[in-house]
């Protein structure tokens, strides 16, 4: 079996194939849990919708075998959600991830230092992926030095992340489509052109990243 393209974070629910593996994200306040592998979390945009009920749902369903990661969760200073409550809910989800030994997928907007501090205070013990990363290379390396991953999406197609693509250690990178109507293959192809690397090499590296984080093979070795 050939190495699949890995779409680590998407809000589009399509059946996985031998060519593309996607990990859909389920936002507890607005989505229904699906039977295929997914991530599940309380999004900071929606914590004001009965957050106690959302906590109960998280505790109940996060342990299911098809929930492969907790999130997207985190902090967002541009949303109207109370920031203190955001931090409280973020801490809860880190604890759940630690308890269940499932990776964390982070949503972070203008609150990276606060995210770092809370992850350290809660002694995160699982892999951490900052999804939809669209900031400068200095911040990317700050994430890298703490042992976390970044996931790049359609924003890199604008040509403003070429230095990051060229320079950043690719054993700490994932690619994603998030909520955009774009093919993950196009993101892979752009990454290869800028990095000047062969597509099979990139696919294999990101597949190995996936195995390291999720410890779940998608092909026969």
C-alpha atoms as a PDB file:
ATOM      1  CA  UNK A   1       0.000   0.000   0.000  1.00  0.00           C
ATOM      2  CA  UNK A   2       1.335   3.443  -0.892  1.00  0.00           C
ATOM      3  CA  UNK A   3       1.886   6.179   1.674  1.00  0.00           C
ATOM      4  CA  UNK A   4      -1.302   8.244   2.069  1.00  0.00           C
ATOM      5  CA  UNK A   5      -1.599  11.998   2.155  1.00  0.00           C
ATOM      6  CA  UNK A   6      -2.327  13.039   5.747  1.00  0.00           C
ATOM      7  CA  UNK A   7      -4.832  15.837   6.339  1.00  0.00           C
ATOM      8  CA  UNK A   8      -4.408  16.313  10.075  1.00  0.00           C
ATOM      9  CA  UNK A   9      -7.291  18.765  10.595  1.00  0.00           C
ATOM     10  CA  UNK A  10     -10.418  19.335   8.543  1.00  0.00           C
ATOM     11  CA  UNK A  11     -14.056  20.285   9.015  1.00  0.00           C
ATOM     12  CA  UNK A  12     -15.092  18.315   5.940  1.00  0.00           C
ATOM     13  CA  UNK A  13     -16.384  14.807   6.620  1.00  0.00           C
ATOM     14  CA  UNK A  14     -15.410  12.523   3.753  1.00  0.00           C
ATOM     15  CA  UNK A  15     -14.662   8.841   3.754  1.00  0.00           C
ATOM     16  CA  UNK A  16     -10.969   8.062   3.989  1.00  0.00           C
ATOM     17  CA  UNK A  17      -9.310   6.224   1.132  1.00  0.00           C
ATOM     18  CA  UNK A  18      -5.993   4.499   0.583  1.00  0.00           C
ATOM     19  CA  UNK A  19      -4.734   7.746  -0.980  1.00  0.00           C
ATOM     20  CA  UNK A  20      -5.885  10.337   1.584  1.00  0.00           C
ATOM     21  CA  UNK A  21      -6.399  10.050   5.323  1.00  0.00           C
ATOM     22  CA  UNK A  22      -8.230  12.981   6.920  1.00  0.00           C
ATOM     23  CA  UNK A  23      -8.892  13.595  10.608  1.00  0.00           C
ATOM     24  CA  UNK A  24     -12.165  15.548  10.875  1.00  0.00           C
ATOM     25  CA  UNK A  25     -12.654  17.848  13.836  1.00  0.00           C
ATOM     26  CA  UNK A  26     -15.844  17.626  15.888  1.00  0.00           C
ATOM     27  CA  UNK A  27     -16.788  20.820  17.738  1.00  0.00           C
ATOM     28  CA  UNK A  28     -18.964  19.686  20.622  1.00  0.00           C
ATOM     29  CA  UNK A  29     -21.241  22.760  20.565  1.00  0.00           C
ATOM     30  CA  UNK A  30     -22.216  22.371  16.901  1.00  0.00           C
ATOM     31  CA  UNK A  31     -21.316  18.970  15.443  1.00  0.00           C
ATOM     32  CA  UNK A  32     -22.401  15.379  15.861  1.00  0.00           C
ATOM     33  CA  UNK A  33     -19.846  12.709  16.668  1.00  0.00           C
ATOM     34  CA  UNK A  34     -19.065  10.574  13.640  1.00  0.00           C
ATOM     35  CA  UNK A  35     -17.992   6.902  13.615  1.00  0.00           C
ATOM     36  CA  UNK A  36     -14.755   7.446  11.690  1.00  0.00           C
ATOM     37  CA  UNK A  37     -11.503   8.605  13.357  1.00  0.00           C
ATOM     38  CA  UNK A  38     -11.785  12.237  14.456  1.00  0.00           C
ATOM     39  CA  UNK A  39     -10.731  14.823  17.006  1.00  0.00           C
ATOM     40  CA  UNK A  40     -13.232  16.069  19.587  1.00  0.00           C
ATOM     41  CA  UNK A  41     -13.115  19.220  21.656  1.00  0.00           C
ATOM     42  CA  UNK A  42     -14.641  22.362  23.115  1.00  0.00           C
ATOM     43  CA  UNK A  43     -13.789  25.249  20.813  1.00  0.00           C
ATOM     44  CA  UNK A  44     -13.105  28.628  22.468  1.00  0.00           C
ATOM     45  CA  UNK A  45     -15.582  30.297  20.107  1.00  0.00           C
ATOM     46  CA  UNK A  46     -18.470  28.283  21.522  1.00  0.00           C
ATOM     47  CA  UNK A  47     -17.778  27.856  25.229  1.00  0.00           C
ATOM     48  CA  UNK A  48     -20.644  30.192  26.160  1.00  0.00           C
ATOM     49  CA  UNK A  49     -23.114  27.585  24.841  1.00  0.00           C
ATOM     50  CA  UNK A  50     -23.790  25.514  27.992  1.00  0.00           C
ATOM     51  CA  UNK A  51     -20.122  24.879  28.672  1.00  0.00           C
ATOM     52  CA  UNK A  52     -20.892  22.576  31.613  1.00  0.00           C
ATOM     53  CA  UNK A  53     -22.926  20.372  29.308  1.00  0.00           C
ATOM     54  CA  UNK A  54     -20.076  20.450  26.809  1.00  0.00           C
ATOM     55  CA  UNK A  55     -17.703  19.293  29.546  1.00  0.00           C
ATOM     56  CA  UNK A  56     -19.988  16.366  30.306  1.00  0.00           C
ATOM     57  CA  UNK A  57     -20.095  15.425  26.631  1.00  0.00           C
ATOM     58  CA  UNK A  58     -16.315  15.613  26.416  1.00  0.00           C
ATOM     59  CA  UNK A  59     -15.862  13.347  29.448  1.00  0.00           C
ATOM     60  CA  UNK A  60     -18.390  10.876  28.038  1.00  0.00           C
ATOM     61  CA  UNK A  61     -17.247  10.623  24.439  1.00  0.00           C
ATOM     62  CA  UNK A  62     -13.532  11.480  24.422  1.00  0.00           C
ATOM     63  CA  UNK A  63     -12.704   7.969  25.628  1.00  0.00           C
ATOM     64  CA  UNK A  64     -14.224   6.375  22.522  1.00  0.00           C
ATOM     65  CA  UNK A  65     -11.764   4.550  20.289  1.00  0.00           C
ATOM     66  CA  UNK A  66     -12.595   6.619  17.194  1.00  0.00           C
ATOM     67  CA  UNK A  67     -11.676   9.858  19.008  1.00  0.00           C
ATOM     68  CA  UNK A  68      -7.976  10.043  18.230  1.00  0.00           C
ATOM     69  CA  UNK A  69      -7.228  13.538  19.575  1.00  0.00           C
ATOM     70  CA  UNK A  70      -8.631  16.182  21.913  1.00  0.00           C
ATOM     71  CA  UNK A  71      -9.395  19.530  20.328  1.00  0.00           C
ATOM     72  CA  UNK A  72      -9.424  21.740  18.635  1.00  0.00           C
ATOM     73  CA  UNK A  73      -9.151  23.576  21.921  1.00  0.00           C
ATOM     74  CA  UNK A  74      -7.192  26.546  23.197  1.00  0.00           C
ATOM     75  CA  UNK A  75      -7.323  30.317  23.456  1.00  0.00           C
ATOM     76  CA  UNK A  76      -8.555  33.079  21.161  1.00  0.00           C
ATOM     77  CA  UNK A  77      -8.334  36.779  22.042  1.00  0.00           C
ATOM     78  CA  UNK A  78     -10.427  37.818  19.049  1.00  0.00           C
ATOM     79  CA  UNK A  79     -13.575  35.975  20.089  1.00  0.00           C
ATOM     80  CA  UNK A  80     -16.189  37.325  22.483  1.00  0.00           C
ATOM     81  CA  UNK A  81     -15.887  34.321  24.804  1.00  0.00           C
ATOM     82  CA  UNK A  82     -14.726  35.236  28.306  1.00  0.00           C
ATOM     83  CA  UNK A  83     -10.951  34.766  28.365  1.00  0.00           C
ATOM     84  CA  UNK A  84     -10.831  33.473  31.938  1.00  0.00           C
ATOM     85  CA  UNK A  85     -13.402  30.839  31.029  1.00  0.00           C
ATOM     86  CA  UNK A  86     -11.414  29.962  27.913  1.00  0.00           C
ATOM     87  CA  UNK A  87      -8.378  29.257  30.080  1.00  0.00           C
ATOM     88  CA  UNK A  88     -10.423  27.154  32.489  1.00  0.00           C
ATOM     89  CA  UNK A  89     -11.876  25.025  29.694  1.00  0.00           C
ATOM     90  CA  UNK A  90      -8.464  24.711  28.047  1.00  0.00           C
ATOM     91  CA  UNK A  91      -6.990  23.358  31.275  1.00  0.00           C
ATOM     92  CA  UNK A  92      -9.792  20.813  31.531  1.00  0.00           C
ATOM     93  CA  UNK A  93      -9.096  19.530  28.027  1.00  0.00           C
ATOM     94  CA  UNK A  94      -5.362  19.210  28.696  1.00  0.00           C
ATOM     95  CA  UNK A  95      -6.207  17.093  31.744  1.00  0.00           C
ATOM     96  CA  UNK A  96      -8.523  14.913  29.631  1.00  0.00           C
ATOM     97  CA  UNK A  97      -5.823  14.464  26.986  1.00  0.00           C
ATOM     98  CA  UNK A  98      -3.264  13.518  29.630  1.00  0.00           C
ATOM     99  CA  UNK A  99      -5.642  11.071  31.259  1.00  0.00           C
ATOM    100  CA  UNK A 100      -6.611   9.389  27.986  1.00  0.00           C
ATOM    101  CA  UNK A 101      -3.126   9.709  26.465  1.00  0.00           C
ATOM    102  CA  UNK A 102      -4.511  11.346  23.318  1.00  0.00           C
ATOM    103  CA  UNK A 103      -2.808  14.191  21.400  1.00  0.00           C
ATOM    104  CA  UNK A 104      -3.971  17.791  21.672  1.00  0.00           C
ATOM    105  CA  UNK A 105      -4.916  19.903  18.661  1.00  0.00           C
ATOM    106  CA  UNK A 106      -4.617  23.579  19.570  1.00  0.00           C
ATOM    107  CA  UNK A 107      -6.523  26.594  18.282  1.00  0.00           C
ATOM    108  CA  UNK A 108      -4.563  29.705  19.228  1.00  0.00           C
ATOM    109  CA  UNK A 109      -5.146  33.325  18.224  1.00  0.00           C
ATOM    110  CA  UNK A 110      -2.984  36.069  19.736  1.00  0.00           C
ATOM    111  CA  UNK A 111      -2.466  34.004  22.899  1.00  0.00           C
ATOM    112  CA  UNK A 112       0.583  31.848  22.249  1.00  0.00           C
ATOM    113  CA  UNK A 113       2.445  32.781  25.414  1.00  0.00           C
ATOM    114  CA  UNK A 114      -0.623  32.083  27.509  1.00  0.00           C
ATOM    115  CA  UNK A 115      -1.048  28.725  25.763  1.00  0.00           C
ATOM    116  CA  UNK A 116       2.574  27.813  26.420  1.00  0.00           C
ATOM    117  CA  UNK A 117       2.266  28.736  30.070  1.00  0.00           C
ATOM    118  CA  UNK A 118      -0.908  26.719  30.630  1.00  0.00           C
ATOM    119  CA  UNK A 119       0.511  23.680  28.812  1.00  0.00           C
ATOM    120  CA  UNK A 120       3.534  23.836  31.103  1.00  0.00           C
ATOM    121  CA  UNK A 121       1.505  24.415  34.249  1.00  0.00           C
ATOM    122  CA  UNK A 122      -0.752  21.468  33.430  1.00  0.00           C
ATOM    123  CA  UNK A 123       2.320  19.366  32.608  1.00  0.00           C
ATOM    124  CA  UNK A 124       1.072  18.226  29.233  1.00  0.00           C
ATOM    125  CA  UNK A 125       2.249  14.674  28.606  1.00  0.00           C
ATOM    126  CA  UNK A 126       0.944  14.116  25.089  1.00  0.00           C
ATOM    127  CA  UNK A 127       1.914  15.420  21.643  1.00  0.00           C
ATOM    128  CA  UNK A 128       0.680  18.952  20.942  1.00  0.00           C
ATOM    129  CA  UNK A 129      -0.190  20.267  17.465  1.00  0.00           C
ATOM    130  CA  UNK A 130      -0.774  23.986  16.861  1.00  0.00           C
ATOM    131  CA  UNK A 131      -3.112  23.797  13.901  1.00  0.00           C
ATOM    132  CA  UNK A 132      -3.550  26.423  11.189  1.00  0.00           C
ATOM    133  CA  UNK A 133      -0.211  28.042  12.008  1.00  0.00           C
ATOM    134  CA  UNK A 134       0.087  31.345  10.157  1.00  0.00           C
ATOM    135  CA  UNK A 135       2.637  33.311  12.183  1.00  0.00           C
ATOM    136  CA  UNK A 136       6.331  34.151  11.837  1.00  0.00           C
ATOM    137  CA  UNK A 137       9.212  31.721  11.831  1.00  0.00           C
ATOM    138  CA  UNK A 138      10.489  32.926  15.217  1.00  0.00           C
ATOM    139  CA  UNK A 139       7.241  31.830  16.863  1.00  0.00           C
ATOM    140  CA  UNK A 140       7.360  28.562  14.930  1.00  0.00           C
ATOM    141  CA  UNK A 141      10.767  27.843  16.438  1.00  0.00           C
ATOM    142  CA  UNK A 142       9.491  28.729  19.892  1.00  0.00           C
ATOM    143  CA  UNK A 143       6.883  26.023  19.399  1.00  0.00           C
ATOM    144  CA  UNK A 144       9.557  23.646  18.105  1.00  0.00           C
ATOM    145  CA  UNK A 145      11.865  24.192  21.074  1.00  0.00           C
ATOM    146  CA  UNK A 146       9.083  23.107  23.408  1.00  0.00           C
ATOM    147  CA  UNK A 147       8.691  19.874  21.473  1.00  0.00           C
ATOM    148  CA  UNK A 148       5.351  20.756  19.886  1.00  0.00           C
ATOM    149  CA  UNK A 149       4.204  20.448  16.266  1.00  0.00           C
ATOM    150  CA  UNK A 150       2.805  22.984  13.815  1.00  0.00           C
ATOM    151  CA  UNK A 151       0.249  22.284  11.109  1.00  0.00           C
ATOM    152  CA  UNK A 152       0.210  24.447   7.994  1.00  0.00           C
ATOM    153  CA  UNK A 153      -2.884  25.049   5.908  1.00  0.00           C
ATOM    154  CA  UNK A 154      -4.022  26.939   2.845  1.00  0.00           C
ATOM    155  CA  UNK A 155      -2.386  30.171   4.038  1.00  0.00           C
ATOM    156  CA  UNK A 156       0.968  28.868   2.830  1.00  0.00           C
ATOM    157  CA  UNK A 157      -0.335  28.995  -0.754  1.00  0.00           C
ATOM    158  CA  UNK A 158      -0.150  32.801  -0.563  1.00  0.00           C
ATOM    159  CA  UNK A 159       3.648  32.531  -0.668  1.00  0.00           C
ATOM    160  CA  UNK A 160       4.147  34.227   2.683  1.00  0.00           C
ATOM    161  CA  UNK A 161       5.402  31.130   4.515  1.00  0.00           C
ATOM    162  CA  UNK A 162       8.081  30.032   2.072  1.00  0.00           C
ATOM    163  CA  UNK A 163      10.905  30.724   4.554  1.00  0.00           C
ATOM    164  CA  UNK A 164       9.145  28.514   7.094  1.00  0.00           C
ATOM    165  CA  UNK A 165       8.637  25.741   4.545  1.00  0.00           C
ATOM    166  CA  UNK A 166      12.304  25.850   3.526  1.00  0.00           C
ATOM    167  CA  UNK A 167      13.850  26.074   6.973  1.00  0.00           C
ATOM    168  CA  UNK A 168      11.585  24.428   9.568  1.00  0.00           C
ATOM    169  CA  UNK A 169      12.410  20.850  10.699  1.00  0.00           C
ATOM    170  CA  UNK A 170       9.874  18.754   8.868  1.00  0.00           C
ATOM    171  CA  UNK A 171       9.718  16.104  11.576  1.00  0.00           C
ATOM    172  CA  UNK A 172       7.562  18.638  13.468  1.00  0.00           C
ATOM    173  CA  UNK A 173       5.198  19.590  10.635  1.00  0.00           C
ATOM    174  CA  UNK A 174       1.734  18.502   9.527  1.00  0.00           C
ATOM    175  CA  UNK A 175      -0.469  19.797   6.706  1.00  0.00           C
ATOM    176  CA  UNK A 176      -4.205  20.457   6.786  1.00  0.00           C
ATOM    177  CA  UNK A 177      -7.174  21.956   4.948  1.00  0.00           C
ATOM    178  CA  UNK A 178      -9.114  23.152   8.046  1.00  0.00           C
ATOM    179  CA  UNK A 179     -12.418  24.669   6.855  1.00  0.00           C
ATOM    180  CA  UNK A 180     -11.198  25.611   3.383  1.00  0.00           C
ATOM    181  CA  UNK A 181     -12.438  24.139   0.101  1.00  0.00           C
ATOM    182  CA  UNK A 182      -9.050  22.983  -1.081  1.00  0.00           C
ATOM    183  CA  UNK A 183      -7.446  19.660  -1.836  1.00  0.00           C
ATOM    184  CA  UNK A 184      -4.759  18.508   0.602  1.00  0.00           C
ATOM    185  CA  UNK A 185      -2.766  17.309  -2.413  1.00  0.00           C
ATOM    186  CA  UNK A 186      -2.401  20.908  -3.588  1.00  0.00           C
ATOM    187  CA  UNK A 187      -0.898  21.877  -0.224  1.00  0.00           C
ATOM    188  CA  UNK A 188       1.549  18.976  -0.406  1.00  0.00           C
ATOM    189  CA  UNK A 189       2.539  19.914  -3.953  1.00  0.00           C
ATOM    190  CA  UNK A 190       3.173  23.554  -3.054  1.00  0.00           C
ATOM    191  CA  UNK A 191       5.256  22.514  -0.049  1.00  0.00           C
ATOM    192  CA  UNK A 192       7.374  20.269  -2.280  1.00  0.00           C
ATOM    193  CA  UNK A 193       7.968  22.994  -4.870  1.00  0.00           C
ATOM    194  CA  UNK A 194       9.147  25.491  -2.273  1.00  0.00           C
ATOM    195  CA  UNK A 195      11.201  22.989  -0.261  1.00  0.00           C
ATOM    196  CA  UNK A 196      12.592  21.484  -3.484  1.00  0.00           C
ATOM    197  CA  UNK A 197      11.888  17.972  -2.312  1.00  0.00           C
ATOM    198  CA  UNK A 198      10.260  14.972  -3.932  1.00  0.00           C
ATOM    199  CA  UNK A 199       6.612  14.292  -3.121  1.00  0.00           C
ATOM    200  CA  UNK A 200       7.181  10.680  -1.949  1.00  0.00           C
ATOM    201  CA  UNK A 201       9.766  11.929   0.563  1.00  0.00           C
ATOM    202  CA  UNK A 202       7.363  14.504   2.012  1.00  0.00           C
ATOM    203  CA  UNK A 203       4.516  12.003   2.174  1.00  0.00           C
ATOM    204  CA  UNK A 204       6.695   9.486   3.999  1.00  0.00           C
ATOM    205  CA  UNK A 205       8.019  12.083   6.466  1.00  0.00           C
ATOM    206  CA  UNK A 206       4.552  13.371   7.372  1.00  0.00           C
ATOM    207  CA  UNK A 207       3.342   9.801   7.629  1.00  0.00           C
ATOM    208  CA  UNK A 208       6.137   9.051  10.102  1.00  0.00           C
ATOM    209  CA  UNK A 209       5.165  12.197  12.038  1.00  0.00           C
ATOM    210  CA  UNK A 210       1.635  10.836  12.177  1.00  0.00           C
ATOM    211  CA  UNK A 211       2.806   7.441  13.424  1.00  0.00           C
ATOM    212  CA  UNK A 212       4.923   9.116  16.106  1.00  0.00           C
ATOM    213  CA  UNK A 213       1.991  11.206  17.370  1.00  0.00           C
ATOM    214  CA  UNK A 214      -0.865   8.728  17.037  1.00  0.00           C
ATOM    215  CA  UNK A 215       0.980   5.393  17.066  1.00  0.00           C
ATOM    216  CA  UNK A 216      -1.472   4.056  14.531  1.00  0.00           C
ATOM    217  CA  UNK A 217      -0.324   2.652  11.166  1.00  0.00           C
ATOM    218  CA  UNK A 218      -2.444   3.480   8.128  1.00  0.00           C
ATOM    219  CA  UNK A 219      -0.712   1.108   5.748  1.00  0.00           C
ATOM    220  CA  UNK A 220       0.865  -2.310   5.767  1.00  0.00           C
ATOM    221  CA  UNK A 221       4.574  -1.966   6.527  1.00  0.00           C
END
